Amino acid sequence: MKKTIKMVYKINPLLYHKIKLSAKVGKLIASKVISDQEEFVAISKKGQVIRIELNEVPKLGRQTQGVKVMKLREGDEVASIVVL
């Protein structure tokens, strides 16, 4: 997960094309505009679920890779996310 202040990115409907991903980071699952008063839920294909308050996730700069919020089991991957 990466939480970045919106102003560091130019408004662009193709924003996700400008986000550089590496094998270490993985695929981009979703991109959402959020507030600190919301909660984040991630669900894996094998049924693992995590729910965190977004005010607990640090704000990061544009050039950072983000933080790991879920440790997945071997062969598992994120299936869906939702912001509540």
C-alpha atoms as a PDB file:
ATOM      1  CA  MET A   1       0.000   0.000   0.000  1.00  0.00           C
ATOM      2  CA  LYS A   2       1.180   3.474  -0.758  1.00  0.00           C
ATOM      3  CA  LYS A   3      -0.507   6.582   0.601  1.00  0.00           C
ATOM      4  CA  THR A   4       0.707   9.747  -1.127  1.00  0.00           C
ATOM      5  CA  ILE A   5      -0.590  13.304  -1.009  1.00  0.00           C
ATOM      6  CA  LYS A   6      -2.590  13.852  -4.192  1.00  0.00           C
ATOM      7  CA  MET A   7      -0.796  17.076  -5.106  1.00  0.00           C
ATOM      8  CA  VAL A   8       2.497  15.296  -5.931  1.00  0.00           C
ATOM      9  CA  TYR A   9       0.876  13.777  -9.036  1.00  0.00           C
ATOM     10  CA  LYS A  10      -0.392  15.790 -11.972  1.00  0.00           C
ATOM     11  CA  ILE A  11      -4.076  15.213 -12.723  1.00  0.00           C
ATOM     12  CA  ASN A  12      -4.059  12.604 -15.475  1.00  0.00           C
ATOM     13  CA  PRO A  13      -6.662   9.954 -16.347  1.00  0.00           C
ATOM     14  CA  LEU A  14      -3.812   7.589 -17.253  1.00  0.00           C
ATOM     15  CA  LEU A  15      -2.039   8.050 -13.912  1.00  0.00           C
ATOM     16  CA  TYR A  16      -1.485   4.341 -13.346  1.00  0.00           C
ATOM     17  CA  HIS A  17       0.698   4.207 -16.487  1.00  0.00           C
ATOM     18  CA  LYS A  18       3.145   6.586 -14.785  1.00  0.00           C
ATOM     19  CA  ILE A  19       3.485   4.494 -11.615  1.00  0.00           C
ATOM     20  CA  LYS A  20       6.608   2.358 -11.974  1.00  0.00           C
ATOM     21  CA  LEU A  21       6.274  -1.155 -10.584  1.00  0.00           C
ATOM     22  CA  SER A  22       8.970  -3.751 -10.018  1.00  0.00           C
ATOM     23  CA  ALA A  23       8.923  -7.504  -9.476  1.00  0.00           C
ATOM     24  CA  LYS A  24       9.488  -6.848  -5.763  1.00  0.00           C
ATOM     25  CA  VAL A  25       6.449  -4.558  -5.509  1.00  0.00           C
ATOM     26  CA  GLY A  26       4.103  -6.546  -7.764  1.00  0.00           C
ATOM     27  CA  LYS A  27       1.001  -5.561  -9.732  1.00  0.00           C
ATOM     28  CA  LEU A  28      -1.145  -2.488  -9.221  1.00  0.00           C
ATOM     29  CA  ILE A  29      -4.467  -3.787  -7.862  1.00  0.00           C
ATOM     30  CA  ALA A  30      -6.309  -0.482  -7.487  1.00  0.00           C
ATOM     31  CA  SER A  31      -5.867   3.246  -7.137  1.00  0.00           C
ATOM     32  CA  LYS A  32      -8.275   5.235  -4.967  1.00  0.00           C
ATOM     33  CA  VAL A  33      -8.666   8.732  -3.571  1.00  0.00           C
ATOM     34  CA  ILE A  34      -9.020   8.333   0.196  1.00  0.00           C
ATOM     35  CA  SER A  35      -9.203  10.222   3.476  1.00  0.00           C
ATOM     36  CA  ASP A  36      -7.608   9.368   6.820  1.00  0.00           C
ATOM     37  CA  GLN A  37     -11.048   8.748   8.355  1.00  0.00           C
ATOM     38  CA  GLU A  38     -11.620   5.638   6.238  1.00  0.00           C
ATOM     39  CA  GLU A  39     -10.664   1.979   6.608  1.00  0.00           C
ATOM     40  CA  PHE A  40      -8.951  -0.298   4.100  1.00  0.00           C
ATOM     41  CA  VAL A  41      -9.882  -3.963   3.632  1.00  0.00           C
ATOM     42  CA  ALA A  42      -7.871  -6.381   1.464  1.00  0.00           C
ATOM     43  CA  ILE A  43      -9.026  -9.913   0.631  1.00  0.00           C
ATOM     44  CA  SER A  44      -6.769 -12.593  -0.835  1.00  0.00           C
ATOM     45  CA  LYS A  45      -7.773 -15.385  -3.225  1.00  0.00           C
ATOM     46  CA  LYS A  46      -7.239 -17.936  -0.433  1.00  0.00           C
ATOM     47  CA  GLY A  47      -9.508 -16.077   2.001  1.00  0.00           C
ATOM     48  CA  GLN A  48      -7.060 -14.055   4.075  1.00  0.00           C
ATOM     49  CA  VAL A  49      -8.531 -10.685   5.127  1.00  0.00           C
ATOM     50  CA  ILE A  50      -6.967  -7.614   6.712  1.00  0.00           C
ATOM     51  CA  ARG A  51      -8.699  -4.428   7.833  1.00  0.00           C
ATOM     52  CA  ILE A  52      -6.755  -1.326   8.879  1.00  0.00           C
ATOM     53  CA  GLU A  53      -7.521   2.290   9.599  1.00  0.00           C
ATOM     54  CA  LEU A  54      -5.933   4.495   6.945  1.00  0.00           C
ATOM     55  CA  ASN A  55      -4.729   7.018   9.529  1.00  0.00           C
ATOM     56  CA  GLU A  56      -2.286   4.270  10.667  1.00  0.00           C
ATOM     57  CA  VAL A  57      -0.594   4.169   7.235  1.00  0.00           C
ATOM     58  CA  PRO A  58       2.183   6.754   6.815  1.00  0.00           C
ATOM     59  CA  LYS A  59       2.061   9.279   3.959  1.00  0.00           C
ATOM     60  CA  LEU A  60       4.934   8.649   1.557  1.00  0.00           C
ATOM     61  CA  GLY A  61       6.612  10.594  -1.215  1.00  0.00           C
ATOM     62  CA  ARG A  62       6.174   9.971  -4.915  1.00  0.00           C
ATOM     63  CA  GLN A  63       9.466   8.096  -5.332  1.00  0.00           C
ATOM     64  CA  THR A  64       8.814   5.493  -2.609  1.00  0.00           C
ATOM     65  CA  GLN A  65       7.582   1.910  -2.954  1.00  0.00           C
ATOM     66  CA  GLY A  66       4.985   1.905  -0.169  1.00  0.00           C
ATOM     67  CA  VAL A  67       4.490  -0.308   2.862  1.00  0.00           C
ATOM     68  CA  LYS A  68       3.503  -3.964   3.209  1.00  0.00           C
ATOM     69  CA  VAL A  69       0.143  -4.276   4.975  1.00  0.00           C
ATOM     70  CA  MET A  70      -0.537  -7.976   4.371  1.00  0.00           C
ATOM     71  CA  LYS A  71       1.825 -10.959   4.423  1.00  0.00           C
ATOM     72  CA  LEU A  72       0.443 -13.447   1.932  1.00  0.00           C
ATOM     73  CA  ARG A  73       0.909 -17.209   2.078  1.00  0.00           C
ATOM     74  CA  GLU A  74       2.833 -19.017  -0.674  1.00  0.00           C
ATOM     75  CA  GLY A  75       0.885 -18.914  -3.952  1.00  0.00           C
ATOM     76  CA  ASP A  76      -1.718 -16.442  -2.650  1.00  0.00           C
ATOM     77  CA  GLU A  77      -2.418 -12.989  -4.071  1.00  0.00           C
ATOM     78  CA  VAL A  78      -4.735 -10.056  -3.409  1.00  0.00           C
ATOM     79  CA  ALA A  79      -8.129 -10.593  -5.036  1.00  0.00           C
ATOM     80  CA  SER A  80      -9.908  -7.398  -4.045  1.00  0.00           C
ATOM     81  CA  ILE A  81      -9.707  -4.258  -1.926  1.00  0.00           C
ATOM     82  CA  VAL A  82     -12.343  -1.916  -0.568  1.00  0.00           C
ATOM     83  CA  VAL A  83     -12.216   1.400   1.262  1.00  0.00           C
ATOM     84  CA  LEU A  84     -14.948   1.806   3.877  1.00  0.00           C
END
